[in-house]
């Protein structure tokens, strides 16, 4: 849909609805059941948010150190167009994607599939959710960090926490809730405090 957007403009709400329908249609077998520790998952999500913003709050120049601001991993600057920062429709769907779509997609991929595939690539579906393997745990944490660019340090810590939570709960919904809460609180922090650099 993004590729077709320049040719056939599709309203953002249609793209969001179609994407979510496709995600649920394909992923329903993995999303059966319900959270086992919803309240603790919420608290884990808030804790990861604190981890995410703490370095910048404690040391405002932290993100501009060479480790986080360079030509290889990028620069700690968000990609939200200036005009969109006051557009309620854009903000509504940007938050919805961050809080609904991203946690489901990323948890399905990182902790629902990749952690198990790294244990047994031929029969990953036979590996129970939350099965521990040191190599799978750390590979997923490092890859999760790498997708967060200039925020790789807190991305690594977040990946470790989410991986640990999957191993503790053996429940994908608990990780989805934790991830959604992190992203939701972070979205409030971004919009309320003009911290747009967090929205990559």
Protein backbone atom coordinates (compact mmCIF):
# COMPACT_ATOMS: atom_id res chain seq x y z
CA UNK A 1 0.00 0.00 0.00
CA UNK A 2 2.89 2.36 0.73
CA UNK A 3 4.38 1.62 -2.69
CA UNK A 4 1.05 2.38 -4.38
CA UNK A 5 0.47 5.55 -2.35
CA UNK A 6 2.08 7.93 -4.92
CA UNK A 7 -0.06 6.42 -7.69
CA UNK A 8 -3.31 5.64 -5.89
CA UNK A 9 -3.63 7.69 -2.69
CA UNK A 10 -5.28 5.63 0.05
CA UNK A 11 -6.57 7.38 3.17
CA UNK A 12 -4.51 6.63 6.25
CA UNK A 13 -7.47 5.10 8.09
CA UNK A 14 -8.05 2.64 5.22
CA UNK A 15 -4.36 1.64 5.22
CA UNK A 16 -4.48 1.14 8.97
CA UNK A 17 -7.72 -0.90 8.89
CA UNK A 18 -6.55 -3.12 6.02
CA UNK A 19 -3.15 -3.67 7.64
CA UNK A 20 -4.67 -4.66 10.98
CA UNK A 21 -7.18 -6.98 9.28
CA UNK A 22 -4.32 -8.70 7.41
CA UNK A 23 -2.24 -9.00 10.58
CA UNK A 24 -5.06 -10.61 12.53
CA UNK A 25 -6.13 -12.87 9.65
CA UNK A 26 -2.63 -14.31 9.31
CA UNK A 27 -1.72 -14.33 12.99
CA UNK A 28 -4.84 -15.62 14.76
CA UNK A 29 -3.35 -19.05 15.58
CA UNK A 30 -0.43 -17.41 17.39
CA UNK A 31 -2.70 -14.89 19.13
CA UNK A 32 -5.06 -17.40 20.74
CA UNK A 33 -5.57 -17.18 24.47
CA UNK A 34 -5.29 -14.18 26.74
CA UNK A 35 -2.66 -12.51 28.91
CA UNK A 36 -1.59 -14.41 32.01
CA UNK A 37 -0.18 -11.41 33.93
CA UNK A 38 -1.87 -8.26 32.55
CA UNK A 39 -1.15 -5.94 35.48
CA UNK A 40 2.51 -6.94 35.70
CA UNK A 41 2.75 -6.59 31.92
CA UNK A 42 1.52 -2.99 32.22
CA UNK A 43 4.14 -2.31 34.90
CA UNK A 44 6.85 -3.90 32.74
CA UNK A 45 5.76 -1.62 29.89
CA UNK A 46 6.03 1.49 32.08
CA UNK A 47 9.46 0.34 33.32
CA UNK A 48 10.71 -0.01 29.72
CA UNK A 49 9.45 3.50 28.96
CA UNK A 50 11.49 4.80 31.91
CA UNK A 51 14.53 2.91 30.60
CA UNK A 52 13.93 4.43 27.16
CA UNK A 53 13.91 8.10 28.21
CA UNK A 54 16.11 7.99 31.33
CA UNK A 55 19.50 8.56 29.61
CA UNK A 56 18.22 11.70 27.87
CA UNK A 57 16.53 13.03 31.01
CA UNK A 58 19.59 12.40 33.19
CA UNK A 59 22.11 13.63 30.60
CA UNK A 60 20.53 15.78 27.85
CA UNK A 61 23.61 15.46 25.62
CA UNK A 62 23.73 11.65 25.88
CA UNK A 63 22.11 10.96 22.54
CA UNK A 64 24.64 13.19 20.73
CA UNK A 65 27.64 11.14 21.77
CA UNK A 66 29.44 9.54 18.82
CA UNK A 67 28.03 6.12 19.81
CA UNK A 68 24.50 7.28 19.02
CA UNK A 69 24.95 10.09 16.51
CA UNK A 70 27.04 9.13 13.49
CA UNK A 71 26.87 8.32 9.81
CA UNK A 72 26.49 4.58 10.33
CA UNK A 73 23.60 4.21 12.76
CA UNK A 74 21.99 7.57 12.06
CA UNK A 75 21.08 10.62 14.05
CA UNK A 76 18.66 11.05 16.96
CA UNK A 77 16.12 13.05 15.01
CA UNK A 78 12.53 12.06 14.41
CA UNK A 79 10.95 11.96 10.98
CA UNK A 80 7.62 13.62 11.78
CA UNK A 81 6.96 16.44 9.28
CA UNK A 82 6.55 19.80 11.06
CA UNK A 83 3.02 20.29 9.68
CA UNK A 84 1.93 16.90 11.06
CA UNK A 85 2.87 17.72 14.65
CA UNK A 86 -0.38 19.67 15.04
CA UNK A 87 -2.52 17.48 12.81
CA UNK A 88 -4.95 15.50 15.03
CA UNK A 89 -5.72 12.91 12.31
CA UNK A 90 -2.02 12.21 11.73
CA UNK A 91 -1.36 11.99 15.47
CA UNK A 92 -4.34 9.68 16.04
CA UNK A 93 -3.16 7.16 13.44
CA UNK A 94 0.52 7.54 14.31
CA UNK A 95 -0.32 6.67 17.92
CA UNK A 96 -2.65 3.85 16.83
CA UNK A 97 0.10 2.29 14.71
CA UNK A 98 2.59 2.67 17.55
CA UNK A 99 0.30 1.26 20.25
CA UNK A 100 -1.64 -1.39 18.32
CA UNK A 101 0.11 -2.50 15.13
CA UNK A 102 3.77 -2.27 16.12
CA UNK A 103 3.53 -4.27 19.39
CA UNK A 104 1.57 -7.07 17.70
CA UNK A 105 3.83 -7.25 14.64
CA UNK A 106 7.10 -6.97 16.53
CA UNK A 107 6.17 -9.45 19.26
CA UNK A 108 4.92 -11.94 16.68
CA UNK A 109 8.20 -11.60 14.82
CA UNK A 110 10.85 -11.24 17.54
CA UNK A 111 9.53 -13.34 20.40
CA UNK A 112 6.76 -15.31 18.73
CA UNK A 113 8.79 -16.55 15.77
CA UNK A 114 12.50 -15.65 15.72
CA UNK A 115 13.36 -16.80 19.24
CA UNK A 116 11.86 -20.20 18.43
CA UNK A 117 13.26 -20.36 14.89
CA UNK A 118 16.77 -19.79 16.23
CA UNK A 119 16.31 -22.81 18.48
CA UNK A 120 14.97 -25.07 15.72
CA UNK A 121 14.73 -23.56 12.24
CA UNK A 122 13.17 -26.70 10.75
CA UNK A 123 10.36 -27.13 13.27
CA UNK A 124 10.06 -23.82 15.13
CA UNK A 125 6.31 -24.33 15.60
CA UNK A 126 7.07 -27.28 17.90
CA UNK A 127 9.08 -25.05 20.26
CA UNK A 128 6.83 -23.68 23.02
CA UNK A 129 6.64 -19.91 23.37
CA UNK A 130 9.12 -18.67 25.94
CA UNK A 131 11.56 -21.56 25.58
CA UNK A 132 14.96 -20.35 26.77
CA UNK A 133 18.12 -20.60 24.72
CA UNK A 134 21.01 -18.27 25.52
CA UNK A 135 21.98 -17.80 21.88
CA UNK A 136 18.39 -17.12 20.77
CA UNK A 137 17.87 -14.73 23.70
CA UNK A 138 20.93 -12.60 22.93
CA UNK A 139 20.65 -12.68 19.14
CA UNK A 140 17.07 -11.42 19.33
CA UNK A 141 18.02 -8.75 21.89
CA UNK A 142 20.89 -7.52 19.69
CA UNK A 143 18.80 -7.51 16.52
CA UNK A 144 15.98 -5.72 18.33
CA UNK A 145 18.53 -3.09 19.41
CA UNK A 146 19.84 -2.71 15.86
CA UNK A 147 16.43 -1.76 14.45
CA UNK A 148 16.25 1.26 16.78
CA UNK A 149 19.08 3.25 15.23
CA UNK A 150 20.43 5.95 17.52
CA UNK A 151 18.44 4.45 20.37
CA UNK A 152 20.20 1.07 20.12
CA UNK A 153 21.37 1.21 23.76
CA UNK A 154 17.89 1.48 25.23
CA UNK A 155 16.62 -0.79 22.44
CA UNK A 156 19.00 -3.46 23.71
CA UNK A 157 17.76 -3.07 27.29
CA UNK A 158 14.14 -3.13 26.10
CA UNK A 159 14.83 -6.27 24.06
CA UNK A 160 16.37 -7.95 27.10
CA UNK A 161 13.35 -7.06 29.26
CA UNK A 162 10.79 -8.21 26.67
CA UNK A 163 12.73 -11.44 26.04
CA UNK A 164 12.91 -12.09 29.79
CA UNK A 165 9.19 -11.41 30.13
CA UNK A 166 8.39 -13.92 27.36
CA UNK A 167 10.51 -16.54 29.12
CA UNK A 168 8.79 -15.80 32.43
CA UNK A 169 5.22 -15.80 31.10
CA UNK A 170 5.38 -18.05 28.00
CA UNK A 171 2.62 -15.76 26.75
CA UNK A 172 2.72 -13.59 23.63
CA UNK A 173 -0.13 -11.37 24.84
CA UNK A 174 1.81 -10.40 27.97
CA UNK A 175 4.67 -9.17 25.78
CA UNK A 176 2.25 -7.39 23.43
CA UNK A 177 0.67 -5.58 26.39
CA UNK A 178 4.06 -4.57 27.80
CA UNK A 179 5.22 -3.33 24.40
CA UNK A 180 1.94 -1.47 23.77
CA UNK A 181 2.14 0.27 27.14
CA UNK A 182 5.74 1.31 26.50
CA UNK A 183 4.80 2.74 23.11
CA UNK A 184 1.65 4.38 24.46
CA UNK A 185 3.40 6.17 27.31
CA UNK A 186 6.22 7.12 24.95
CA UNK A 187 3.68 8.57 22.49
CA UNK A 188 2.21 10.71 25.28
CA UNK A 189 5.75 11.83 26.20
CA UNK A 190 6.49 12.71 22.56
CA UNK A 191 3.32 14.70 21.94
CA UNK A 192 2.99 16.39 25.34
CA UNK A 193 6.64 17.33 25.65
CA UNK A 194 7.62 17.89 22.00
CA UNK A 195 10.15 15.03 22.19
CA UNK A 196 9.73 14.20 18.49
CA UNK A 197 13.19 12.61 18.23
CA UNK A 198 11.73 9.38 19.66
CA UNK A 199 9.45 8.84 16.68
CA UNK A 200 11.88 7.49 14.10
